[in-house]
C-alpha atoms as a PDB file:
ATOM      1  CA  MET A   1      -0.001   0.009  -0.072  1.00  0.00           C
ATOM      2  CA  ILE A   2       1.395   3.480  -1.004  1.00  0.00           C
ATOM      3  CA  CYS A   3       1.168   6.586   1.427  1.00  0.00           C
ATOM      4  CA  PRO A   4      -1.062   9.549  -0.140  1.00  0.00           C
ATOM      5  CA  ARG A   5       1.402  11.819   1.942  1.00  0.00           C
ATOM      6  CA  CYS A   6       4.746  10.635   1.412  1.00  0.00           C
ATOM      7  CA  GLY A   7       4.448   7.755  -1.613  1.00  0.00           C
ATOM      8  CA  LYS A   8       6.127   5.013  -0.054  1.00  0.00           C
ATOM      9  CA  GLU A   9       5.465   1.638   0.408  1.00  0.00           C
ATOM     10  CA  ASN A  10       3.795  -0.039   2.799  1.00  0.00           C
ATOM     11  CA  PRO A  11       3.533  -3.942   3.746  1.00  0.00           C
ATOM     12  CA  GLU A  12      -0.629  -4.700   3.832  1.00  0.00           C
ATOM     13  CA  GLY A  13      -2.648  -4.146   6.279  1.00  0.00           C
ATOM     14  CA  ASN A  14      -1.250  -1.061   8.273  1.00  0.00           C
ATOM     15  CA  GLU A  15      -3.390   1.399   8.874  1.00  0.00           C
ATOM     16  CA  PHE A  16      -0.648   4.111   9.469  1.00  0.00           C
ATOM     17  CA  CYS A  17       2.071   4.815   7.210  1.00  0.00           C
ATOM     18  CA  PHE A  18       5.732   3.553   8.958  1.00  0.00           C
ATOM     19  CA  TYR A  19       7.358   6.143   7.675  1.00  0.00           C
ATOM     20  CA  CYS A  20       5.661   9.408   8.194  1.00  0.00           C
ATOM     21  CA  GLY A  21       2.271   8.369  10.196  1.00  0.00           C
ATOM     22  CA  ALA A  22      -0.462   9.196   7.895  1.00  0.00           C
ATOM     23  CA  LYS A  23      -3.292   7.710   8.027  1.00  0.00           C
ATOM     24  CA  LEU A  24      -3.387   5.371   5.300  1.00  0.00           C
ATOM     25  CA  LYS A  25      -6.401   4.223   3.173  1.00  0.00           C
ATOM     26  CA  VAL A  26      -8.428   1.177   3.268  1.00  0.00           C
ATOM     27  CA  GLU A  27      -9.651  -0.220   0.174  1.00  0.00           C
ATOM     28  CA  SER A  28     -13.345  -0.995   0.013  1.00  0.00           C
ATOM     29  CA  SER A  29     -15.068  -2.355  -2.676  1.00  0.00           C
ATOM     30  CA  ASP A  30     -17.893  -0.134  -2.436  1.00  0.00           C
ATOM     31  CA  MET A  31     -16.211   2.600  -3.023  1.00  0.00           C
ATOM     32  CA  ASP A  32     -15.949   4.101  -6.302  1.00  0.00           C
ATOM     33  CA  ASP A  33     -13.544   6.557  -8.252  1.00  0.00           C
ATOM     34  CA  SER A  34     -15.790   9.781  -7.782  1.00  0.00           C
ATOM     35  CA  ASP A  35     -14.898   9.452  -4.409  1.00  0.00           C
ATOM     36  CA  THR A  36     -11.899   9.084  -4.199  1.00  0.00           C
ATOM     37  CA  PHE A  37     -11.060  12.355  -6.242  1.00  0.00           C
ATOM     38  CA  GLU A  38     -13.716  13.743  -3.962  1.00  0.00           C
ATOM     39  CA  THR A  39     -11.837  13.026  -1.125  1.00  0.00           C
ATOM     40  CA  ILE A  40      -8.478  14.098  -2.469  1.00  0.00           C
ATOM     41  CA  GLY A  41     -10.213  17.485  -3.686  1.00  0.00           C
ATOM     42  CA  LYS A  42     -10.902  18.452   0.048  1.00  0.00           C
ATOM     43  CA  LYS A  43      -7.387  17.093   1.135  1.00  0.00           C
ATOM     44  CA  GLU A  44      -5.831  19.871  -1.385  1.00  0.00           C
ATOM     45  CA  LYS A  45      -7.929  22.644  -0.393  1.00  0.00           C
ATOM     46  CA  THR A  46      -7.268  21.779   3.113  1.00  0.00           C
ATOM     47  CA  VAL A  47      -3.171  21.814   2.270  1.00  0.00           C
ATOM     48  CA  LYS A  48      -3.790  25.501   0.512  1.00  0.00           C
ATOM     49  CA  ASN A  49      -5.115  26.413   2.958  1.00  0.00           C
ATOM     50  CA  LYS A  50      -2.891  25.664   6.096  1.00  0.00           C
ATOM     51  CA  ALA A  51      -0.240  27.172   3.719  1.00  0.00           C
ATOM     52  CA  MET A  52      -2.492  30.403   3.254  1.00  0.00           C
ATOM     53  CA  GLN A  53      -3.138  30.972   7.469  1.00  0.00           C
ATOM     54  CA  THR A  54       0.829  29.734   7.599  1.00  0.00           C
ATOM     55  CA  ARG A  55       1.879  32.566   4.587  1.00  0.00           C
ATOM     56  CA  LYS A  56      -0.801  35.192   7.060  1.00  0.00           C
ATOM     57  CA  LYS A  57       0.965  34.232   9.899  1.00  0.00           C
ATOM     58  CA  SER A  58       4.605  35.013   8.739  1.00  0.00           C
ATOM     59  CA  VAL A  59       3.314  38.363   6.795  1.00  0.00           C
ATOM     60  CA  ILE A  60       1.917  39.193  10.241  1.00  0.00           C
ATOM     61  CA  LYS A  61       5.286  38.849  11.894  1.00  0.00           C
ATOM     62  CA  LYS A  62       7.541  41.114   9.707  1.00  0.00           C
ATOM     63  CA  ALA A  63       4.992  43.337   9.627  1.00  0.00           C
ATOM     64  CA  ASP A  64       5.267  43.070  13.292  1.00  0.00           C
ATOM     65  CA  VAL A  65       9.205  43.150  13.223  1.00  0.00           C
ATOM     66  CA  LYS A  66       9.004  46.359  11.220  1.00  0.00           C
ATOM     67  CA  ARG A  67       7.150  47.602  13.549  1.00  0.00           C
ATOM     68  CA  ASN A  68       8.695  47.002  16.285  1.00  0.00           C
ATOM     69  CA  ASN A  69      11.904  48.238  15.349  1.00  0.00           C
ATOM     70  CA  LEU A  70      10.921  51.206  14.374  1.00  0.00           C
ATOM     71  CA  ILE A  71       9.161  52.049  18.049  1.00  0.00           C
ATOM     72  CA  ILE A  72      13.085  51.564  19.422  1.00  0.00           C
ATOM     73  CA  MET A  73      14.679  53.730  16.386  1.00  0.00           C
ATOM     74  CA  ILE A  74      12.194  56.292  17.713  1.00  0.00           C
ATOM     75  CA  GLY A  75      12.779  56.005  21.243  1.00  0.00           C
ATOM     76  CA  SER A  76      16.674  55.995  20.814  1.00  0.00           C
ATOM     77  CA  LEU A  77      16.412  58.665  18.157  1.00  0.00           C
ATOM     78  CA  LEU A  78      13.946  60.773  21.475  1.00  0.00           C
ATOM     79  CA  LEU A  79      16.520  59.409  24.353  1.00  0.00           C
ATOM     80  CA  LEU A  80      19.790  60.798  22.172  1.00  0.00           C
ATOM     81  CA  SER A  81      18.208  64.237  21.713  1.00  0.00           C
ATOM     82  CA  ALA A  82      17.522  64.497  24.901  1.00  0.00           C
ATOM     83  CA  ILE A  83      20.806  63.020  26.252  1.00  0.00           C
ATOM     84  CA  LEU A  84      22.421  65.724  24.062  1.00  0.00           C
ATOM     85  CA  TYR A  85      20.100  68.556  24.881  1.00  0.00           C
ATOM     86  CA  PHE A  86      21.006  68.378  28.575  1.00  0.00           C
ATOM     87  CA  THR A  87      24.625  68.721  28.483  1.00  0.00           C
ATOM     88  CA  LEU A  88      24.922  71.484  26.198  1.00  0.00           C
ATOM     89  CA  LEU A  89      22.926  73.506  28.289  1.00  0.00           C
END
């Protein structure tokens, strides 16, 4: 039996992939091809949604880092200008 996630061959009768741990499909005679394609389509959509969520999180993290860097730079400039102002008085 071939794993749908990693594509490696597993012994018949295994419920989960030995290599990646994914649940292996159980072959049944009452299942037709349309059910198989429908299931694959749902899995692809799920994978795409997870990828988009991960991408959005990384974009948000980058924005947070840029904002934090800007705040630190402005704070440093204010502190430096205050120090120079009071030392030159």
